[in-house]
Amino acid sequence: MKIVNLESLQNQPVEFNGKIVSGVSIRWLIKKEDGAPNFAMRYFEMQPHTEIPAHFHPWEHEIFILDGECEITAGNITKHVSKNSAVFIEPNIEHSYKNNSDKLLKFLCIIPHT
């Protein structure tokens, strides 16, 4: 068993295609190195008016909004999501996240190890 307190972990920058995404940070709560054989759990924070650009990958992932709100686009569908919403994003679907609000967005993202 592993127990980790979010506050004990340092924010790390989020990087896509070799570029750091301004205003977005990640903390790896559970990862393969912790003995988790199938999934990683990550905690993200997005500052107001920031975006995780469109990207895709061959694995699914699940998102749970802890606080705040955002727009998530998957393929050609855009949905507004807010606190206590869960989102499933299929593999190989281009997707992006936009925090258009004035509030910090906090969410969990679960992905399989690939």
N, C-alpha and C. Protein backbone atom coordinates (compact mmCIF):
# COMPACT_ATOMS: atom_id res chain seq x y z
N MET A 1 0.84 -1.18 0.00
CA MET A 1 0.00 0.00 0.00
C MET A 1 0.89 1.24 0.00
N LYS A 2 0.42 2.25 -0.71
CA LYS A 2 1.09 3.55 -0.69
C LYS A 2 0.05 4.61 -0.34
N ILE A 3 0.42 5.49 0.54
CA ILE A 3 -0.42 6.64 0.87
C ILE A 3 0.44 7.88 0.64
N VAL A 4 -0.10 8.80 -0.11
CA VAL A 4 0.65 10.02 -0.40
C VAL A 4 -0.27 11.21 -0.17
N ASN A 5 0.27 12.25 0.42
CA ASN A 5 -0.47 13.49 0.61
C ASN A 5 -0.12 14.42 -0.54
N LEU A 6 -1.13 14.96 -1.18
CA LEU A 6 -0.93 15.85 -2.32
C LEU A 6 0.06 16.96 -2.00
N GLU A 7 -0.05 17.52 -0.80
CA GLU A 7 0.80 18.65 -0.42
C GLU A 7 2.28 18.27 -0.30
N SER A 8 2.57 16.98 -0.20
CA SER A 8 3.96 16.55 -0.07
C SER A 8 4.67 16.46 -1.42
N LEU A 9 3.92 16.60 -2.51
CA LEU A 9 4.48 16.48 -3.86
C LEU A 9 4.67 17.86 -4.48
N GLN A 10 5.74 18.00 -5.23
CA GLN A 10 6.02 19.26 -5.92
C GLN A 10 5.27 19.33 -7.25
N ASN A 11 4.75 20.51 -7.56
CA ASN A 11 4.20 20.73 -8.90
C ASN A 11 5.31 20.57 -9.93
N GLN A 12 4.97 19.92 -11.03
CA GLN A 12 5.89 19.79 -12.15
C GLN A 12 5.24 20.42 -13.37
N PRO A 13 6.06 20.96 -14.27
CA PRO A 13 5.48 21.54 -15.48
C PRO A 13 4.90 20.45 -16.37
N VAL A 14 3.91 20.83 -17.17
CA VAL A 14 3.32 19.93 -18.16
C VAL A 14 3.95 20.28 -19.50
N GLU A 15 4.37 19.25 -20.22
CA GLU A 15 5.08 19.44 -21.48
C GLU A 15 4.38 18.68 -22.60
N PHE A 16 4.21 19.33 -23.75
CA PHE A 16 3.70 18.69 -24.96
C PHE A 16 4.63 19.03 -26.11
N ASN A 17 5.06 18.02 -26.82
CA ASN A 17 5.93 18.20 -27.99
C ASN A 17 7.14 19.07 -27.68
N GLY A 18 7.73 18.85 -26.50
CA GLY A 18 8.93 19.57 -26.12
C GLY A 18 8.71 20.98 -25.62
N LYS A 19 7.45 21.41 -25.50
CA LYS A 19 7.17 22.76 -25.02
C LYS A 19 6.40 22.69 -23.71
N ILE A 20 6.78 23.53 -22.75
CA ILE A 20 6.07 23.60 -21.48
C ILE A 20 4.78 24.38 -21.67
N VAL A 21 3.69 23.84 -21.15
CA VAL A 21 2.38 24.49 -21.23
C VAL A 21 2.28 25.48 -20.08
N SER A 22 2.24 26.73 -20.39
CA SER A 22 2.21 27.78 -19.38
C SER A 22 0.94 27.71 -18.54
N GLY A 23 1.10 27.80 -17.22
CA GLY A 23 -0.04 27.86 -16.32
C GLY A 23 -0.66 26.53 -15.96
N VAL A 24 -0.03 25.43 -16.37
CA VAL A 24 -0.56 24.08 -16.09
C VAL A 24 0.52 23.28 -15.36
N SER A 25 0.12 22.61 -14.27
CA SER A 25 1.08 21.80 -13.52
C SER A 25 0.48 20.43 -13.23
N ILE A 26 1.37 19.49 -12.92
CA ILE A 26 0.99 18.10 -12.67
C ILE A 26 1.73 17.60 -11.44
N ARG A 27 1.06 16.72 -10.70
CA ARG A 27 1.70 15.97 -9.61
C ARG A 27 1.31 14.51 -9.83
N TRP A 28 2.30 13.63 -9.89
CA TRP A 28 2.06 12.20 -10.08
C TRP A 28 1.77 11.58 -8.72
N LEU A 29 0.52 11.21 -8.48
CA LEU A 29 0.11 10.65 -7.19
C LEU A 29 0.50 9.18 -7.08
N ILE A 30 0.16 8.40 -8.09
CA ILE A 30 0.47 6.97 -8.13
C ILE A 30 1.05 6.67 -9.51
N LYS A 31 2.16 5.95 -9.54
CA LYS A 31 2.78 5.62 -10.83
C LYS A 31 3.33 4.20 -10.80
N LYS A 32 3.79 3.74 -11.92
CA LYS A 32 4.30 2.37 -12.06
C LYS A 32 5.40 2.08 -11.04
N GLU A 33 6.26 3.05 -10.80
CA GLU A 33 7.38 2.87 -9.87
C GLU A 33 6.90 2.66 -8.43
N ASP A 34 5.65 2.99 -8.17
CA ASP A 34 5.07 2.77 -6.83
C ASP A 34 4.53 1.35 -6.68
N GLY A 35 4.62 0.56 -7.75
CA GLY A 35 4.10 -0.80 -7.72
C GLY A 35 2.71 -0.94 -8.31
N ALA A 36 2.17 0.13 -8.88
CA ALA A 36 0.84 0.07 -9.51
C ALA A 36 1.01 -0.57 -10.89
N PRO A 37 0.51 -1.79 -11.10
CA PRO A 37 0.80 -2.49 -12.34
C PRO A 37 0.02 -2.02 -13.56
N ASN A 38 -1.10 -1.32 -13.36
CA ASN A 38 -1.96 -1.03 -14.51
C ASN A 38 -2.19 0.45 -14.80
N PHE A 39 -2.34 1.28 -13.75
CA PHE A 39 -2.76 2.66 -13.96
C PHE A 39 -1.91 3.66 -13.20
N ALA A 40 -1.86 4.88 -13.73
CA ALA A 40 -1.24 6.01 -13.05
C ALA A 40 -2.34 7.01 -12.71
N MET A 41 -2.21 7.64 -11.54
CA MET A 41 -3.14 8.69 -11.13
C MET A 41 -2.36 9.99 -11.04
N ARG A 42 -2.88 11.00 -11.75
CA ARG A 42 -2.21 12.29 -11.81
C ARG A 42 -3.16 13.40 -11.37
N TYR A 43 -2.61 14.41 -10.72
CA TYR A 43 -3.36 15.58 -10.28
C TYR A 43 -2.88 16.78 -11.08
N PHE A 44 -3.81 17.48 -11.72
CA PHE A 44 -3.48 18.65 -12.53
C PHE A 44 -4.09 19.91 -11.92
N GLU A 45 -3.40 21.01 -12.12
CA GLU A 45 -3.95 22.34 -11.85
C GLU A 45 -3.76 23.18 -13.09
N MET A 46 -4.84 23.87 -13.47
CA MET A 46 -4.78 24.80 -14.61
C MET A 46 -5.18 26.18 -14.10
N GLN A 47 -4.29 27.12 -14.26
CA GLN A 47 -4.57 28.50 -13.88
C GLN A 47 -5.70 29.05 -14.75
N PRO A 48 -6.38 30.11 -14.29
CA PRO A 48 -7.42 30.71 -15.12
C PRO A 48 -6.90 31.08 -16.51
N HIS A 49 -7.76 30.87 -17.50
CA HIS A 49 -7.49 31.27 -18.89
C HIS A 49 -6.25 30.58 -19.46
N THR A 50 -6.13 29.29 -19.18
CA THR A 50 -5.05 28.49 -19.75
C THR A 50 -5.63 27.33 -20.54
N GLU A 51 -4.78 26.66 -21.28
CA GLU A 51 -5.24 25.60 -22.17
C GLU A 51 -4.19 24.48 -22.26
N ILE A 52 -4.67 23.25 -22.27
CA ILE A 52 -3.84 22.11 -22.66
C ILE A 52 -4.18 21.88 -24.13
N PRO A 53 -3.21 22.03 -25.02
CA PRO A 53 -3.52 21.99 -26.45
C PRO A 53 -4.00 20.62 -26.92
N ALA A 54 -4.62 20.63 -28.09
CA ALA A 54 -5.13 19.40 -28.69
C ALA A 54 -4.00 18.39 -28.88
N HIS A 55 -4.30 17.16 -28.50
CA HIS A 55 -3.34 16.06 -28.63
C HIS A 55 -4.12 14.75 -28.64
N PHE A 56 -3.46 13.67 -29.00
CA PHE A 56 -4.10 12.36 -28.92
C PHE A 56 -3.04 11.31 -28.64
N HIS A 57 -3.49 10.17 -28.17
CA HIS A 57 -2.60 9.06 -27.85
C HIS A 57 -3.41 7.77 -27.89
N PRO A 58 -2.74 6.64 -27.92
CA PRO A 58 -3.45 5.36 -28.11
C PRO A 58 -4.06 4.77 -26.85
N TRP A 59 -4.17 5.53 -25.78
CA TRP A 59 -4.77 5.00 -24.56
C TRP A 59 -5.95 5.87 -24.14
N GLU A 60 -6.86 5.24 -23.42
CA GLU A 60 -8.00 5.94 -22.82
C GLU A 60 -7.53 6.67 -21.58
N HIS A 61 -8.34 7.59 -21.12
CA HIS A 61 -8.15 8.12 -19.78
C HIS A 61 -9.44 8.68 -19.22
N GLU A 62 -9.44 8.75 -17.91
CA GLU A 62 -10.59 9.22 -17.17
C GLU A 62 -10.20 10.46 -16.39
N ILE A 63 -11.09 11.42 -16.39
CA ILE A 63 -10.86 12.70 -15.73
C ILE A 63 -11.94 12.87 -14.66
N PHE A 64 -11.55 13.41 -13.50
CA PHE A 64 -12.54 13.78 -12.48
C PHE A 64 -12.23 15.20 -12.04
N ILE A 65 -13.20 16.09 -12.22
CA ILE A 65 -13.02 17.50 -11.86
C ILE A 65 -13.23 17.67 -10.36
N LEU A 66 -12.18 18.09 -9.67
CA LEU A 66 -12.24 18.30 -8.22
C LEU A 66 -12.77 19.69 -7.87
N ASP A 67 -12.36 20.68 -8.67
CA ASP A 67 -12.78 22.05 -8.41
C ASP A 67 -12.60 22.86 -9.68
N GLY A 68 -13.48 23.82 -9.88
CA GLY A 68 -13.41 24.68 -11.05
C GLY A 68 -14.27 24.15 -12.18
N GLU A 69 -14.00 24.68 -13.38
CA GLU A 69 -14.76 24.30 -14.56
C GLU A 69 -13.89 24.50 -15.79
N CYS A 70 -14.26 23.81 -16.87
CA CYS A 70 -13.50 23.95 -18.11
C CYS A 70 -14.33 23.44 -19.28
N GLU A 71 -13.80 23.66 -20.47
CA GLU A 71 -14.34 23.06 -21.67
C GLU A 71 -13.39 21.96 -22.09
N ILE A 72 -13.95 20.78 -22.36
CA ILE A 72 -13.16 19.68 -22.89
C ILE A 72 -13.68 19.39 -24.29
N THR A 73 -12.76 19.37 -25.24
CA THR A 73 -13.10 19.02 -26.61
C THR A 73 -12.50 17.66 -26.90
N ALA A 74 -13.34 16.76 -27.42
CA ALA A 74 -12.88 15.43 -27.85
C ALA A 74 -13.46 15.21 -29.24
N GLY A 75 -12.57 15.08 -30.22
CA GLY A 75 -13.04 15.03 -31.60
C GLY A 75 -13.70 16.34 -31.95
N ASN A 76 -14.94 16.29 -32.43
CA ASN A 76 -15.63 17.53 -32.80
C ASN A 76 -16.71 17.91 -31.77
N ILE A 77 -16.62 17.34 -30.57
CA ILE A 77 -17.59 17.62 -29.52
C ILE A 77 -16.92 18.40 -28.39
N THR A 78 -17.52 19.51 -28.00
CA THR A 78 -17.03 20.32 -26.88
C THR A 78 -18.11 20.33 -25.80
N LYS A 79 -17.69 20.03 -24.57
CA LYS A 79 -18.61 20.02 -23.43
C LYS A 79 -18.05 20.88 -22.32
N HIS A 80 -18.95 21.55 -21.62
CA HIS A 80 -18.59 22.30 -20.41
C HIS A 80 -18.71 21.34 -19.23
N VAL A 81 -17.65 21.24 -18.44
CA VAL A 81 -17.68 20.36 -17.26
C VAL A 81 -17.28 21.18 -16.04
N SER A 82 -17.77 20.74 -14.89
CA SER A 82 -17.49 21.46 -13.66
C SER A 82 -17.31 20.48 -12.51
N LYS A 83 -17.08 21.03 -11.34
CA LYS A 83 -16.81 20.27 -10.13
C LYS A 83 -17.72 19.05 -10.01
N ASN A 84 -17.11 17.92 -9.65
CA ASN A 84 -17.77 16.63 -9.44
C ASN A 84 -18.20 15.94 -10.73
N SER A 85 -17.71 16.40 -11.88
CA SER A 85 -17.98 15.73 -13.16
C SER A 85 -16.88 14.72 -13.46
N ALA A 86 -17.28 13.58 -14.02
CA ALA A 86 -16.33 12.57 -14.49
C ALA A 86 -16.42 12.51 -16.01
N VAL A 87 -15.27 12.37 -16.67
CA VAL A 87 -15.20 12.36 -18.13
C VAL A 87 -14.36 11.17 -18.58
N PHE A 88 -14.86 10.45 -19.57
CA PHE A 88 -14.11 9.36 -20.20
C PHE A 88 -13.71 9.82 -21.60
N ILE A 89 -12.42 9.72 -21.91
CA ILE A 89 -11.93 10.07 -23.25
C ILE A 89 -11.35 8.81 -23.88
N GLU A 90 -11.91 8.46 -25.04
CA GLU A 90 -11.52 7.25 -25.74
C GLU A 90 -10.11 7.35 -26.29
N PRO A 91 -9.49 6.20 -26.55
CA PRO A 91 -8.16 6.20 -27.18
C PRO A 91 -8.22 6.81 -28.58
N ASN A 92 -7.11 7.40 -29.00
CA ASN A 92 -6.92 7.91 -30.37
C ASN A 92 -7.89 9.01 -30.77
N ILE A 93 -8.48 9.71 -29.81
CA ILE A 93 -9.36 10.84 -30.09
C ILE A 93 -8.60 12.12 -29.74
N GLU A 94 -8.51 13.03 -30.67
CA GLU A 94 -7.87 14.31 -30.36
C GLU A 94 -8.71 15.03 -29.31
N HIS A 95 -8.05 15.56 -28.28
CA HIS A 95 -8.76 16.23 -27.20
C HIS A 95 -7.93 17.37 -26.64
N SER A 96 -8.65 18.32 -26.01
CA SER A 96 -7.99 19.49 -25.42
C SER A 96 -8.82 19.96 -24.23
N TYR A 97 -8.21 20.80 -23.40
CA TYR A 97 -8.85 21.34 -22.19
C TYR A 97 -8.64 22.84 -22.18
N LYS A 98 -9.69 23.60 -21.88
CA LYS A 98 -9.58 25.05 -21.77
C LYS A 98 -10.24 25.51 -20.47
N ASN A 99 -9.46 26.19 -19.65
CA ASN A 99 -10.02 26.82 -18.46
C ASN A 99 -10.29 28.27 -18.82
N ASN A 100 -11.52 28.55 -19.24
CA ASN A 100 -11.90 29.91 -19.63
C ASN A 100 -12.39 30.74 -18.45
N SER A 101 -12.35 30.17 -17.26
CA SER A 101 -12.90 30.85 -16.09
C SER A 101 -11.83 31.68 -15.38
N ASP A 102 -12.27 32.36 -14.33
CA ASP A 102 -11.35 33.14 -13.48
C ASP A 102 -10.92 32.35 -12.26
N LYS A 103 -11.21 31.04 -12.24
CA LYS A 103 -10.93 30.20 -11.08
C LYS A 103 -9.94 29.09 -11.45
N LEU A 104 -9.12 28.70 -10.49
CA LEU A 104 -8.20 27.59 -10.67
C LEU A 104 -8.98 26.30 -10.92
N LEU A 105 -8.57 25.53 -11.90
CA LEU A 105 -9.16 24.23 -12.21
C LEU A 105 -8.28 23.15 -11.62
N LYS A 106 -8.89 22.20 -10.90
CA LYS A 106 -8.16 21.08 -10.31
C LYS A 106 -8.85 19.80 -10.75
N PHE A 107 -8.06 18.84 -11.28
CA PHE A 107 -8.66 17.58 -11.69
C PHE A 107 -7.69 16.42 -11.58
N LEU A 108 -8.27 15.23 -11.44
CA LEU A 108 -7.52 13.99 -11.48
C LEU A 108 -7.60 13.42 -12.88
N CYS A 109 -6.54 12.77 -13.31
CA CYS A 109 -6.52 12.10 -14.61
C CYS A 109 -5.89 10.73 -14.39
N ILE A 110 -6.62 9.69 -14.77
CA ILE A 110 -6.16 8.31 -14.64
C ILE A 110 -5.83 7.78 -16.03
N ILE A 111 -4.63 7.23 -16.19
CA ILE A 111 -4.24 6.66 -17.47
C ILE A 111 -3.62 5.29 -17.24
N PRO A 112 -3.73 4.40 -18.23
CA PRO A 112 -3.06 3.11 -18.11
C PRO A 112 -1.57 3.26 -18.42
N HIS A 113 -0.77 2.37 -17.87
CA HIS A 113 0.65 2.33 -18.26
C HIS A 113 0.71 1.71 -19.64
N THR A 114 1.45 2.32 -20.53
CA THR A 114 1.59 1.77 -21.88
C THR A 114 3.04 1.59 -22.21
